[in-house]
PDB file of all heavy atoms in Angstrom:
ATOM      1  N   GLU A   1       0.828  -1.205   0.007  1.00  0.00           N
ATOM      2  CA  GLU A   1      -0.068   0.004   0.025  1.00  0.00           C
ATOM      3  C   GLU A   1       0.860   1.316   0.011  1.00  0.00           C
ATOM      4  O   GLU A   1       0.649   2.150  -0.693  1.00  0.00           O
ATOM      5  CB  GLU A   1      -0.911  -0.027   1.277  1.00  0.00           C
ATOM      6  CG  GLU A   1      -1.921   1.033   1.327  1.00  0.00           C
ATOM      7  CD  GLU A   1      -2.662   1.079   2.581  1.00  0.00           C
ATOM      8  OE1 GLU A   1      -2.856   0.050   3.221  1.00  0.00           O
ATOM      9  OE2 GLU A   1      -3.025   2.223   3.058  1.00  0.00           O
ATOM     10  N   GLY A   2       1.913   1.263   0.860  1.00  0.00           N
ATOM     11  CA  GLY A   2       2.793   2.384   0.896  1.00  0.00           C
ATOM     12  C   GLY A   2       3.621   2.602  -0.386  1.00  0.00           C
ATOM     13  O   GLY A   2       3.667   3.769  -0.873  1.00  0.00           O
ATOM     14  N   ILE A   3       4.038   1.531  -1.120  1.00  0.00           N
ATOM     15  CA  ILE A   3       4.638   1.613  -2.377  1.00  0.00           C
ATOM     16  C   ILE A   3       3.597   2.276  -3.392  1.00  0.00           C
ATOM     17  O   ILE A   3       4.038   3.255  -4.170  1.00  0.00           O
ATOM     18  CB  ILE A   3       5.115   0.248  -2.894  1.00  0.00           C
ATOM     19  CG1 ILE A   3       6.337  -0.189  -2.023  1.00  0.00           C
ATOM     20  CG2 ILE A   3       5.499   0.267  -4.370  1.00  0.00           C
ATOM     21  CD1 ILE A   3       6.683  -1.684  -2.251  1.00  0.00           C
ATOM     22  N   ALA A   4       2.444   1.716  -3.428  1.00  0.00           N
ATOM     23  CA  ALA A   4       1.400   2.188  -4.415  1.00  0.00           C
ATOM     24  C   ALA A   4       1.096   3.733  -4.185  1.00  0.00           C
ATOM     25  O   ALA A   4       1.005   4.505  -5.109  1.00  0.00           O
ATOM     26  CB  ALA A   4       0.140   1.317  -4.314  1.00  0.00           C
ATOM     27  N   SER A   5       0.915   4.085  -2.877  1.00  0.00           N
ATOM     28  CA  SER A   5       0.529   5.419  -2.570  1.00  0.00           C
ATOM     29  C   SER A   5       1.600   6.431  -2.789  1.00  0.00           C
ATOM     30  O   SER A   5       1.311   7.639  -3.083  1.00  0.00           O
ATOM     31  CB  SER A   5      -0.066   5.537  -1.178  1.00  0.00           C
ATOM     32  OG  SER A   5       0.993   5.335  -0.254  1.00  0.00           O
ATOM     33  N   ALA A   6       2.886   6.018  -2.824  1.00  0.00           N
ATOM     34  CA  ALA A   6       3.976   6.934  -3.043  1.00  0.00           C
ATOM     35  C   ALA A   6       4.053   7.229  -4.538  1.00  0.00           C
ATOM     36  O   ALA A   6       4.536   8.428  -4.910  1.00  0.00           O
ATOM     37  CB  ALA A   6       5.288   6.357  -2.624  1.00  0.00           C
ATOM     38  N   GLY A   7       3.513   6.438  -5.299  1.00  0.00           N
ATOM     39  CA  GLY A   7       3.454   6.833  -6.834  1.00  0.00           C
ATOM     40  C   GLY A   7       4.782   6.773  -7.604  1.00  0.00           C
ATOM     41  O   GLY A   7       4.746   7.362  -8.599  1.00  0.00           O
ATOM     42  N   LYS A   8       5.833   6.230  -7.055  1.00  0.00           N
ATOM     43  CA  LYS A   8       7.060   6.275  -7.706  1.00  0.00           C
ATOM     44  C   LYS A   8       7.020   5.125  -8.762  1.00  0.00           C
ATOM     45  O   LYS A   8       6.570   3.993  -8.456  1.00  0.00           O
ATOM     46  CB  LYS A   8       8.210   6.007  -6.739  1.00  0.00           C
ATOM     47  CG  LYS A   8       9.531   6.547  -7.288  1.00  0.00           C
ATOM     48  CD  LYS A   8      10.547   6.685  -6.170  1.00  0.00           C
ATOM     49  CE  LYS A   8      11.853   7.281  -6.625  1.00  0.00           C
ATOM     50  NZ  LYS A   8      11.824   8.608  -7.018  1.00  0.00           N
ATOM     51  N   PRO A   9       7.582   5.345  -9.960  1.00  0.00           N
ATOM     52  CA  PRO A   9       7.498   4.203 -10.901  1.00  0.00           C
ATOM     53  C   PRO A   9       8.254   2.962 -10.418  1.00  0.00           C
ATOM     54  O   PRO A   9       9.222   3.008  -9.715  1.00  0.00           O
ATOM     55  CB  PRO A   9       8.372   4.801 -12.119  1.00  0.00           C
ATOM     56  CG  PRO A   9       8.282   6.269 -11.962  1.00  0.00           C
ATOM     57  CD  PRO A   9       8.144   6.499 -10.515  1.00  0.00           C
ATOM     58  N   ARG A  10       7.719   1.778 -10.704  1.00  0.00           N
ATOM     59  CA  ARG A  10       8.220   0.498 -10.216  1.00  0.00           C
ATOM     60  C   ARG A  10       9.637   0.283 -10.582  1.00  0.00           C
ATOM     61  O   ARG A  10      10.463  -0.149  -9.839  1.00  0.00           O
ATOM     62  CB  ARG A  10       7.345  -0.648 -10.800  1.00  0.00           C
ATOM     63  CG  ARG A  10       7.917  -2.065 -10.488  1.00  0.00           C
ATOM     64  CD  ARG A  10       7.900  -2.342  -9.011  1.00  0.00           C
ATOM     65  NE  ARG A  10       8.550  -3.637  -8.624  1.00  0.00           N
ATOM     66  CZ  ARG A  10       9.669  -3.780  -8.188  1.00  0.00           C
ATOM     67  NH1 ARG A  10      10.529  -2.797  -8.072  1.00  0.00           N
ATOM     68  NH2 ARG A  10      10.159  -5.026  -7.827  1.00  0.00           N
ATOM     69  N   SER A  11      10.025   0.711 -11.756  1.00  0.00           N
ATOM     70  CA  SER A  11      11.448   0.553 -12.254  1.00  0.00           C
ATOM     71  C   SER A  11      12.476   1.363 -11.447  1.00  0.00           C
ATOM     72  O   SER A  11      13.573   1.011 -11.507  1.00  0.00           O
ATOM     73  CB  SER A  11      11.485   1.028 -13.746  1.00  0.00           C
ATOM     74  OG  SER A  11      11.133   2.390 -13.893  1.00  0.00           O
ATOM     75  N   GLU A  12      12.002   2.311 -10.703  1.00  0.00           N
ATOM     76  CA  GLU A  12      12.966   3.148  -9.910  1.00  0.00           C
ATOM     77  C   GLU A  12      13.044   2.560  -8.418  1.00  0.00           C
ATOM     78  O   GLU A  12      13.790   3.121  -7.679  1.00  0.00           O
ATOM     79  CB  GLU A  12      12.446   4.589  -9.906  1.00  0.00           C
ATOM     80  CG  GLU A  12      12.603   5.284 -11.286  1.00  0.00           C
ATOM     81  CD  GLU A  12      12.004   6.681 -11.188  1.00  0.00           C
ATOM     82  OE1 GLU A  12      12.016   7.316 -10.120  1.00  0.00           O
ATOM     83  OE2 GLU A  12      11.646   7.125 -12.303  1.00  0.00           O
ATOM     84  N   LEU A  13      12.307   1.595  -8.152  1.00  0.00           N
ATOM     85  CA  LEU A  13      12.276   1.011  -6.861  1.00  0.00           C
ATOM     86  C   LEU A  13      13.037  -0.314  -6.788  1.00  0.00           C
ATOM     87  O   LEU A  13      13.102  -0.989  -7.788  1.00  0.00           O
ATOM     88  CB  LEU A  13      10.907   0.836  -6.299  1.00  0.00           C
ATOM     89  CG  LEU A  13      10.072   2.038  -6.093  1.00  0.00           C
ATOM     90  CD1 LEU A  13       8.622   1.629  -5.718  1.00  0.00           C
ATOM     91  CD2 LEU A  13      10.650   2.905  -5.014  1.00  0.00           C
ATOM     92  N   PHE A  14      13.566  -0.670  -5.545  1.00  0.00           N
ATOM     93  CA  PHE A  14      14.225  -1.913  -5.320  1.00  0.00           C
ATOM     94  C   PHE A  14      13.575  -2.572  -4.115  1.00  0.00           C
ATOM     95  O   PHE A  14      13.629  -2.081  -2.964  1.00  0.00           O
ATOM     96  CB  PHE A  14      15.722  -1.747  -5.044  1.00  0.00           C
ATOM     97  CG  PHE A  14      16.468  -3.028  -4.907  1.00  0.00           C
ATOM     98  CD1 PHE A  14      17.261  -3.513  -5.995  1.00  0.00           C
ATOM     99  CD2 PHE A  14      16.474  -3.790  -3.717  1.00  0.00           C
ATOM    100  CE1 PHE A  14      18.011  -4.632  -5.875  1.00  0.00           C
ATOM    101  CE2 PHE A  14      17.182  -4.940  -3.588  1.00  0.00           C
ATOM    102  CZ  PHE A  14      17.983  -5.448  -4.653  1.00  0.00           C
ATOM    103  N   VAL A  15      12.756  -3.626  -4.403  1.00  0.00           N
ATOM    104  CA  VAL A  15      11.938  -4.228  -3.291  1.00  0.00           C
ATOM    105  C   VAL A  15      12.427  -5.650  -3.011  1.00  0.00           C
ATOM    106  O   VAL A  15      12.574  -6.461  -3.907  1.00  0.00           O
ATOM    107  CB  VAL A  15      10.464  -4.277  -3.682  1.00  0.00           C
ATOM    108  CG1 VAL A  15       9.550  -4.784  -2.580  1.00  0.00           C
ATOM    109  CG2 VAL A  15       9.945  -2.817  -4.111  1.00  0.00           C
ATOM    110  N   THR A  16      12.604  -5.893  -1.698  1.00  0.00           N
ATOM    111  CA  THR A  16      13.005  -7.153  -1.143  1.00  0.00           C
ATOM    112  C   THR A  16      11.926  -7.791  -0.345  1.00  0.00           C
ATOM    113  O   THR A  16      11.249  -7.072   0.464  1.00  0.00           O
ATOM    114  CB  THR A  16      14.242  -7.033  -0.278  1.00  0.00           C
ATOM    115  OG1 THR A  16      15.322  -6.413  -0.972  1.00  0.00           O
ATOM    116  CG2 THR A  16      14.721  -8.444   0.327  1.00  0.00           C
ATOM    117  N   THR A  17      11.692  -9.140  -0.446  1.00  0.00           N
ATOM    118  CA  THR A  17      10.947  -9.798   0.572  1.00  0.00           C
ATOM    119  C   THR A  17      11.692 -11.135   0.859  1.00  0.00           C
ATOM    120  O   THR A  17      12.626 -11.492   0.248  1.00  0.00           O
ATOM    121  CB  THR A  17       9.445 -10.086   0.241  1.00  0.00           C
ATOM    122  OG1 THR A  17       8.764 -10.352   1.361  1.00  0.00           O
ATOM    123  CG2 THR A  17       9.195 -11.107  -0.814  1.00  0.00           C
ATOM    124  N   LYS A  18      11.240 -11.764   1.950  1.00  0.00           N
ATOM    125  CA  LYS A  18      11.912 -12.979   2.408  1.00  0.00           C
ATOM    126  C   LYS A  18      10.974 -14.098   2.719  1.00  0.00           C
ATOM    127  O   LYS A  18       9.849 -13.840   3.159  1.00  0.00           O
ATOM    128  CB  LYS A  18      12.665 -12.558   3.715  1.00  0.00           C
ATOM    129  CG  LYS A  18      13.600 -11.362   3.617  1.00  0.00           C
ATOM    130  CD  LYS A  18      14.305 -11.068   4.890  1.00  0.00           C
ATOM    131  CE  LYS A  18      14.875  -9.672   4.908  1.00  0.00           C
ATOM    132  NZ  LYS A  18      13.797  -8.608   5.238  1.00  0.00           N
ATOM    133  N   LEU A  19      11.486 -15.264   2.409  1.00  0.00           N
ATOM    134  CA  LEU A  19      10.628 -16.462   2.718  1.00  0.00           C
ATOM    135  C   LEU A  19      10.562 -16.811   4.203  1.00  0.00           C
ATOM    136  O   LEU A  19      11.576 -16.869   4.746  1.00  0.00           O
ATOM    137  CB  LEU A  19      11.280 -17.651   1.935  1.00  0.00           C
ATOM    138  CG  LEU A  19      10.634 -19.061   2.181  1.00  0.00           C
ATOM    139  CD1 LEU A  19       9.284 -19.137   1.441  1.00  0.00           C
ATOM    140  CD2 LEU A  19      11.592 -20.185   1.624  1.00  0.00           C
ATOM    141  N   GLY A  20       9.387 -17.025   4.650  1.00  0.00           N
ATOM    142  CA  GLY A  20       9.206 -17.467   6.062  1.00  0.00           C
ATOM    143  C   GLY A  20       9.203 -18.968   6.085  1.00  0.00           C
ATOM    144  O   GLY A  20       9.746 -19.651   5.273  1.00  0.00           O
ATOM    145  N   LYS A  21       8.516 -19.452   7.211  1.00  0.00           N
ATOM    146  CA  LYS A  21       8.436 -20.948   7.285  1.00  0.00           C
ATOM    147  C   LYS A  21       7.402 -21.390   6.079  1.00  0.00           C
ATOM    148  O   LYS A  21       6.425 -20.754   5.853  1.00  0.00           O
ATOM    149  CB  LYS A  21       7.808 -21.352   8.632  1.00  0.00           C
ATOM    150  CG  LYS A  21       8.827 -21.213   9.720  1.00  0.00           C
ATOM    151  CD  LYS A  21       8.163 -21.750  11.030  1.00  0.00           C
ATOM    152  CE  LYS A  21       9.174 -21.649  12.227  1.00  0.00           C
ATOM    153  NZ  LYS A  21       8.493 -22.062  13.455  1.00  0.00           N
ATOM    154  N   LEU A  22       7.774 -22.508   5.504  1.00  0.00           N
ATOM    155  CA  LEU A  22       6.931 -22.974   4.433  1.00  0.00           C
ATOM    156  C   LEU A  22       5.774 -23.781   5.039  1.00  0.00           C
ATOM    157  O   LEU A  22       5.898 -24.797   5.763  1.00  0.00           O
ATOM    158  CB  LEU A  22       7.689 -24.015   3.586  1.00  0.00           C
ATOM    159  CG  LEU A  22       8.290 -23.435   2.285  1.00  0.00           C
ATOM    160  CD1 LEU A  22       9.023 -24.602   1.512  1.00  0.00           C
ATOM    161  CD2 LEU A  22       7.190 -22.824   1.391  1.00  0.00           C
ATOM    162  N   PRO A  23       4.475 -23.310   4.856  1.00  0.00           N
ATOM    163  CA  PRO A  23       3.272 -24.011   5.329  1.00  0.00           C
ATOM    164  C   PRO A  23       3.260 -25.451   4.658  1.00  0.00           C
ATOM    165  O   PRO A  23       3.721 -25.565   3.473  1.00  0.00           O
ATOM    166  CB  PRO A  23       2.132 -23.195   4.964  1.00  0.00           C
ATOM    167  CG  PRO A  23       2.727 -21.877   4.559  1.00  0.00           C
ATOM    168  CD  PRO A  23       4.140 -22.069   4.086  1.00  0.00           C
ATOM    169  N   GLU A  24       2.751 -26.372   5.414  1.00  0.00           N
ATOM    170  CA  GLU A  24       2.609 -27.707   4.970  1.00  0.00           C
ATOM    171  C   GLU A  24       1.848 -27.738   3.596  1.00  0.00           C
ATOM    172  O   GLU A  24       0.911 -27.123   3.377  1.00  0.00           O
ATOM    173  CB  GLU A  24       1.683 -28.542   5.953  1.00  0.00           C
ATOM    174  CG  GLU A  24       1.769 -30.080   5.782  1.00  0.00           C
ATOM    175  CD  GLU A  24       3.179 -30.582   5.992  1.00  0.00           C
ATOM    176  OE1 GLU A  24       3.853 -30.231   6.901  1.00  0.00           O
ATOM    177  OE2 GLU A  24       3.591 -31.427   5.150  1.00  0.00           O
ATOM    178  N   GLY A  25       2.430 -28.468   2.647  1.00  0.00           N
ATOM    179  CA  GLY A  25       1.842 -28.648   1.311  1.00  0.00           C
ATOM    180  C   GLY A  25       1.971 -27.429   0.367  1.00  0.00           C
ATOM    181  O   GLY A  25       1.451 -27.469  -0.708  1.00  0.00           O
ATOM    182  N   LYS A  26       2.663 -26.470   0.766  1.00  0.00           N
ATOM    183  CA  LYS A  26       2.916 -25.330  -0.135  1.00  0.00           C
ATOM    184  C   LYS A  26       4.393 -25.243  -0.638  1.00  0.00           C
ATOM    185  O   LYS A  26       5.229 -25.624   0.069  1.00  0.00           O
ATOM    186  CB  LYS A  26       2.615 -23.911   0.641  1.00  0.00           C
ATOM    187  CG  LYS A  26       1.200 -23.787   0.998  1.00  0.00           C
ATOM    188  CD  LYS A  26       0.800 -22.336   0.892  1.00  0.00           C
ATOM    189  CE  LYS A  26      -0.717 -22.218   0.931  1.00  0.00           C
ATOM    190  NZ  LYS A  26      -1.163 -20.821   1.097  1.00  0.00           N
ATOM    191  N   THR A  27       4.535 -24.775  -1.834  1.00  0.00           N
ATOM    192  CA  THR A  27       5.827 -24.592  -2.440  1.00  0.00           C
ATOM    193  C   THR A  27       6.365 -23.179  -2.127  1.00  0.00           C
ATOM    194  O   THR A  27       5.533 -22.398  -1.783  1.00  0.00           O
ATOM    195  CB  THR A  27       5.910 -24.854  -3.957  1.00  0.00           C
ATOM    196  OG1 THR A  27       5.044 -23.774  -4.544  1.00  0.00           O
ATOM    197  CG2 THR A  27       5.283 -26.177  -4.289  1.00  0.00           C
ATOM    198  N   VAL A  28       7.606 -22.969  -2.384  1.00  0.00           N
ATOM    199  CA  VAL A  28       8.212 -21.630  -2.289  1.00  0.00           C
ATOM    200  C   VAL A  28       7.394 -20.709  -3.122  1.00  0.00           C
ATOM    201  O   VAL A  28       7.078 -19.563  -2.801  1.00  0.00           O
ATOM    202  CB  VAL A  28       9.754 -21.560  -2.506  1.00  0.00           C
ATOM    203  CG1 VAL A  28      10.267 -20.231  -2.551  1.00  0.00           C
ATOM    204  CG2 VAL A  28      10.497 -22.403  -1.580  1.00  0.00           C
ATOM    205  N   ARG A  29       7.205 -21.147  -4.399  1.00  0.00           N
ATOM    206  CA  ARG A  29       6.447 -20.333  -5.392  1.00  0.00           C
ATOM    207  C   ARG A  29       5.089 -19.926  -4.852  1.00  0.00           C
ATOM    208  O   ARG A  29       4.659 -18.798  -5.111  1.00  0.00           O
ATOM    209  CB  ARG A  29       6.323 -21.068  -6.752  1.00  0.00           C
ATOM    210  CG  ARG A  29       5.788 -20.301  -7.787  1.00  0.00           C
ATOM    211  CD  ARG A  29       5.686 -21.115  -9.176  1.00  0.00           C
ATOM    212  NE  ARG A  29       5.376 -20.167 -10.302  1.00  0.00           N
ATOM    213  CZ  ARG A  29       4.168 -19.704 -10.452  1.00  0.00           C
ATOM    214  NH1 ARG A  29       3.161 -19.899  -9.744  1.00  0.00           N
ATOM    215  NH2 ARG A  29       3.955 -18.910 -11.633  1.00  0.00           N
ATOM    216  N   ASP A  30       4.333 -20.933  -4.294  1.00  0.00           N
ATOM    217  CA  ASP A  30       3.053 -20.540  -3.761  1.00  0.00           C
ATOM    218  C   ASP A  30       3.124 -19.321  -2.762  1.00  0.00           C
ATOM    219  O   ASP A  30       2.310 -18.415  -2.833  1.00  0.00           O
ATOM    220  CB  ASP A  30       2.434 -21.683  -2.949  1.00  0.00           C
ATOM    221  CG  ASP A  30       2.144 -22.910  -3.814  1.00  0.00           C
ATOM    222  OD1 ASP A  30       1.847 -22.750  -5.004  1.00  0.00           O
ATOM    223  OD2 ASP A  30       2.018 -24.096  -3.352  1.00  0.00           O
ATOM    224  N   THR A  31       4.122 -19.331  -1.867  1.00  0.00           N
ATOM    225  CA  THR A  31       4.290 -18.295  -0.908  1.00  0.00           C
ATOM    226  C   THR A  31       4.654 -16.926  -1.486  1.00  0.00           C
ATOM    227  O   THR A  31       4.188 -15.873  -1.132  1.00  0.00           O
ATOM    228  CB  THR A  31       5.248 -18.539   0.195  1.00  0.00           C
ATOM    229  OG1 THR A  31       6.573 -18.523  -0.286  1.00  0.00           O
ATOM    230  CG2 THR A  31       4.955 -19.951   0.823  1.00  0.00           C
ATOM    231  N   LEU A  32       5.521 -17.094  -2.597  1.00  0.00           N
ATOM    232  CA  LEU A  32       5.962 -15.881  -3.316  1.00  0.00           C
ATOM    233  C   LEU A  32       4.815 -15.158  -4.003  1.00  0.00           C
ATOM    234  O   LEU A  32       4.602 -14.013  -3.962  1.00  0.00           O
ATOM    235  CB  LEU A  32       7.103 -16.167  -4.288  1.00  0.00           C
ATOM    236  CG  LEU A  32       7.572 -14.960  -5.030  1.00  0.00           C
ATOM    237  CD1 LEU A  32       8.128 -13.843  -4.127  1.00  0.00           C
ATOM    238  CD2 LEU A  32       8.588 -15.347  -6.134  1.00  0.00           C
ATOM    239  N   VAL A  33       3.947 -16.023  -4.638  1.00  0.00           N
ATOM    240  CA  VAL A  33       2.825 -15.514  -5.366  1.00  0.00           C
ATOM    241  C   VAL A  33       1.854 -14.749  -4.414  1.00  0.00           C
ATOM    242  O   VAL A  33       1.337 -13.624  -4.650  1.00  0.00           O
ATOM    243  CB  VAL A  33       2.023 -16.659  -6.158  1.00  0.00           C
ATOM    244  CG1 VAL A  33       0.727 -16.133  -6.631  1.00  0.00           C
ATOM    245  CG2 VAL A  33       2.949 -17.130  -7.307  1.00  0.00           C
ATOM    246  N   GLU A  34       1.694 -15.296  -3.273  1.00  0.00           N
ATOM    247  CA  GLU A  34       0.861 -14.656  -2.250  1.00  0.00           C
ATOM    248  C   GLU A  34       1.482 -13.289  -1.835  1.00  0.00           C
ATOM    249  O   GLU A  34       0.851 -12.299  -1.689  1.00  0.00           O
ATOM    250  CB  GLU A  34       0.733 -15.527  -0.952  1.00  0.00           C
ATOM    251  CG  GLU A  34      -0.353 -16.646  -1.123  1.00  0.00           C
ATOM    252  CD  GLU A  34      -0.386 -17.505   0.174  1.00  0.00           C
ATOM    253  OE1 GLU A  34      -0.114 -16.964   1.301  1.00  0.00           O
ATOM    254  OE2 GLU A  34      -0.647 -18.683  -0.002  1.00  0.00           O
ATOM    255  N   SER A  35       2.820 -13.311  -1.631  1.00  0.00           N
ATOM    256  CA  SER A  35       3.545 -12.094  -1.326  1.00  0.00           C
ATOM    257  C   SER A  35       3.463 -11.028  -2.379  1.00  0.00           C
ATOM    258  O   SER A  35       3.099  -9.885  -2.112  1.00  0.00           O
ATOM    259  CB  SER A  35       5.060 -12.387  -1.024  1.00  0.00           C
ATOM    260  OG  SER A  35       5.268 -13.118   0.055  1.00  0.00           O
ATOM    261  N   LEU A  36       3.521 -11.464  -3.515  1.00  0.00           N
ATOM    262  CA  LEU A  36       3.424 -10.450  -4.679  1.00  0.00           C
ATOM    263  C   LEU A  36       2.067  -9.848  -4.752  1.00  0.00           C
ATOM    264  O   LEU A  36       1.883  -8.716  -5.048  1.00  0.00           O
ATOM    265  CB  LEU A  36       3.757 -11.137  -6.091  1.00  0.00           C
ATOM    266  CG  LEU A  36       5.200 -11.550  -6.248  1.00  0.00           C
ATOM    267  CD1 LEU A  36       5.480 -12.384  -7.526  1.00  0.00           C
ATOM    268  CD2 LEU A  36       6.210 -10.337  -6.302  1.00  0.00           C
ATOM    269  N   LYS A  37       0.980 -10.708  -4.557  1.00  0.00           N
ATOM    270  CA  LYS A  37      -0.337 -10.110  -4.489  1.00  0.00           C
ATOM    271  C   LYS A  37      -0.425  -9.081  -3.362  1.00  0.00           C
ATOM    272  O   LYS A  37      -0.994  -7.998  -3.551  1.00  0.00           O
ATOM    273  CB  LYS A  37      -1.357 -11.201  -4.141  1.00  0.00           C
ATOM    274  CG  LYS A  37      -1.741 -11.970  -5.361  1.00  0.00           C
ATOM    275  CD  LYS A  37      -2.900 -12.990  -5.007  1.00  0.00           C
ATOM    276  CE  LYS A  37      -3.106 -13.935  -6.154  1.00  0.00           C
ATOM    277  NZ  LYS A  37      -3.643 -15.239  -5.650  1.00  0.00           N
ATOM    278  N   LYS A  38       0.060  -9.363  -2.183  1.00  0.00           N
ATOM    279  CA  LYS A  38       0.068  -8.397  -1.125  1.00  0.00           C
ATOM    280  C   LYS A  38       0.833  -7.119  -1.403  1.00  0.00           C
ATOM    281  O   LYS A  38       0.424  -6.028  -1.123  1.00  0.00           O
ATOM    282  CB  LYS A  38       0.573  -9.011   0.155  1.00  0.00           C
ATOM    283  CG  LYS A  38      -0.270 -10.088   0.855  1.00  0.00           C
ATOM    284  CD  LYS A  38       0.418 -10.772   1.982  1.00  0.00           C
ATOM    285  CE  LYS A  38      -0.432 -11.834   2.499  1.00  0.00           C
ATOM    286  NZ  LYS A  38       0.198 -12.664   3.520  1.00  0.00           N
ATOM    287  N   LEU A  39       1.938  -7.306  -2.038  1.00  0.00           N
ATOM    288  CA  LEU A  39       2.855  -6.196  -2.356  1.00  0.00           C
ATOM    289  C   LEU A  39       2.274  -5.453  -3.599  1.00  0.00           C
ATOM    290  O   LEU A  39       2.839  -4.297  -3.891  1.00  0.00           O
ATOM    291  CB  LEU A  39       4.229  -6.719  -2.611  1.00  0.00           C
ATOM    292  CG  LEU A  39       4.997  -7.270  -1.449  1.00  0.00           C
ATOM    293  CD1 LEU A  39       6.233  -8.087  -1.938  1.00  0.00           C
ATOM    294  CD2 LEU A  39       5.422  -6.259  -0.541  1.00  0.00           C
ATOM    295  N   ARG A  40       1.419  -5.986  -4.303  1.00  0.00           N
ATOM    296  CA  ARG A  40       0.733  -5.462  -5.525  1.00  0.00           C
ATOM    297  C   ARG A  40       1.898  -5.312  -6.621  1.00  0.00           C
ATOM    298  O   ARG A  40       2.001  -4.228  -7.306  1.00  0.00           O
ATOM    299  CB  ARG A  40       0.116  -4.033  -5.330  1.00  0.00           C
ATOM    300  CG  ARG A  40      -0.774  -4.085  -4.171  1.00  0.00           C
ATOM    301  CD  ARG A  40      -1.475  -2.641  -3.963  1.00  0.00           C
ATOM    302  NE  ARG A  40      -2.188  -2.582  -2.667  1.00  0.00           N
ATOM    303  CZ  ARG A  40      -2.853  -1.557  -2.295  1.00  0.00           C
ATOM    304  NH1 ARG A  40      -2.915  -0.580  -3.134  1.00  0.00           N
ATOM    305  NH2 ARG A  40      -3.410  -1.432  -1.054  1.00  0.00           N
ATOM    306  N   LEU A  41       2.805  -6.217  -6.712  1.00  0.00           N
ATOM    307  CA  LEU A  41       3.880  -6.198  -7.695  1.00  0.00           C
ATOM    308  C   LEU A  41       3.898  -7.454  -8.545  1.00  0.00           C
ATOM    309  O   LEU A  41       3.359  -8.479  -8.152  1.00  0.00           O
ATOM    310  CB  LEU A  41       5.211  -6.218  -6.843  1.00  0.00           C
ATOM    311  CG  LEU A  41       5.419  -4.967  -5.983  1.00  0.00           C
ATOM    312  CD1 LEU A  41       6.763  -5.100  -5.172  1.00  0.00           C
ATOM    313  CD2 LEU A  41       5.435  -3.587  -6.763  1.00  0.00           C
ATOM    314  N   ASP A  42       4.530  -7.363  -9.733  1.00  0.00           N
ATOM    315  CA  ASP A  42       4.699  -8.511 -10.593  1.00  0.00           C
ATOM    316  C   ASP A  42       5.940  -9.254 -10.322  1.00  0.00           C
ATOM    317  O   ASP A  42       6.114 -10.388 -10.684  1.00  0.00           O
ATOM    318  CB  ASP A  42       4.739  -8.029 -12.011  1.00  0.00           C
ATOM    319  CG  ASP A  42       3.458  -7.286 -12.510  1.00  0.00           C
ATOM    320  OD1 ASP A  42       2.459  -7.756 -11.972  1.00  0.00           O
ATOM    321  OD2 ASP A  42       3.601  -6.351 -13.279  1.00  0.00           O
ATOM    322  N   TYR A  43       6.945  -8.567  -9.680  1.00  0.00           N
ATOM    323  CA  TYR A  43       8.227  -9.362  -9.324  1.00  0.00           C
ATOM    324  C   TYR A  43       8.810  -8.577  -8.057  1.00  0.00           C
ATOM    325  O   TYR A  43       8.413  -7.407  -7.801  1.00  0.00           O
ATOM    326  CB  TYR A  43       9.199  -9.216 -10.433  1.00  0.00           C
ATOM    327  CG  TYR A  43       9.627  -7.893 -10.800  1.00  0.00           C
ATOM    328  CD1 TYR A  43      10.783  -7.351 -10.224  1.00  0.00           C
ATOM    329  CD2 TYR A  43       8.982  -7.027 -11.729  1.00  0.00           C
ATOM    330  CE1 TYR A  43      11.210  -5.987 -10.602  1.00  0.00           C
ATOM    331  CE2 TYR A  43       9.235  -5.648 -11.978  1.00  0.00           C
ATOM    332  CZ  TYR A  43      10.458  -5.191 -11.370  1.00  0.00           C
ATOM    333  OH  TYR A  43      10.946  -3.943 -11.642  1.00  0.00           O
ATOM    334  N   VAL A  44       9.739  -9.183  -7.351  1.00  0.00           N
ATOM    335  CA  VAL A  44      10.582  -8.470  -6.418  1.00  0.00           C
ATOM    336  C   VAL A  44      11.966  -8.445  -6.970  1.00  0.00           C
ATOM    337  O   VAL A  44      12.470  -9.289  -7.693  1.00  0.00           O
ATOM    338  CB  VAL A  44      10.535  -9.147  -5.048  1.00  0.00           C
ATOM    339  CG1 VAL A  44       9.219  -8.804  -4.282  1.00  0.00           C
ATOM    340  CG2 VAL A  44      10.840 -10.598  -5.059  1.00  0.00           C
ATOM    341  N   ASP A  45      12.722  -7.430  -6.561  1.00  0.00           N
ATOM    342  CA  ASP A  45      14.116  -7.325  -7.012  1.00  0.00           C
ATOM    343  C   ASP A  45      15.052  -8.264  -6.221  1.00  0.00           C
ATOM    344  O   ASP A  45      16.032  -8.700  -6.735  1.00  0.00           O
ATOM    345  CB  ASP A  45      14.640  -5.898  -6.754  1.00  0.00           C
ATOM    346  CG  ASP A  45      13.835  -4.863  -7.530  1.00  0.00           C
ATOM    347  OD1 ASP A  45      14.164  -4.650  -8.691  1.00  0.00           O
ATOM    348  OD2 ASP A  45      12.787  -4.382  -7.026  1.00  0.00           O
ATOM    349  N   LEU A  46      14.638  -8.630  -5.035  1.00  0.00           N
ATOM    350  CA  LEU A  46      15.525  -9.480  -4.248  1.00  0.00           C
ATOM    351  C   LEU A  46      14.549 -10.471  -3.360  1.00  0.00           C
ATOM    352  O   LEU A  46      13.717  -9.910  -2.623  1.00  0.00           O
ATOM    353  CB  LEU A  46      16.411  -8.801  -3.347  1.00  0.00           C
ATOM    354  CG  LEU A  46      17.475  -9.510  -2.470  1.00  0.00           C
ATOM    355  CD1 LEU A  46      18.459 -10.348  -3.350  1.00  0.00           C
ATOM    356  CD2 LEU A  46      18.277  -8.476  -1.662  1.00  0.00           C
TER     357      LEU A  46
END
């Protein structure tokens, strides 16, 4: 929300997130897709 409201172009930002504990039955990709939805981003830089 903070990233979206600041209005800076995505290409000018560097965004990191980190993998937490993997819930049973979920892949790393599953958790990243959830993170990207929350972050409102198509990718993270790190």
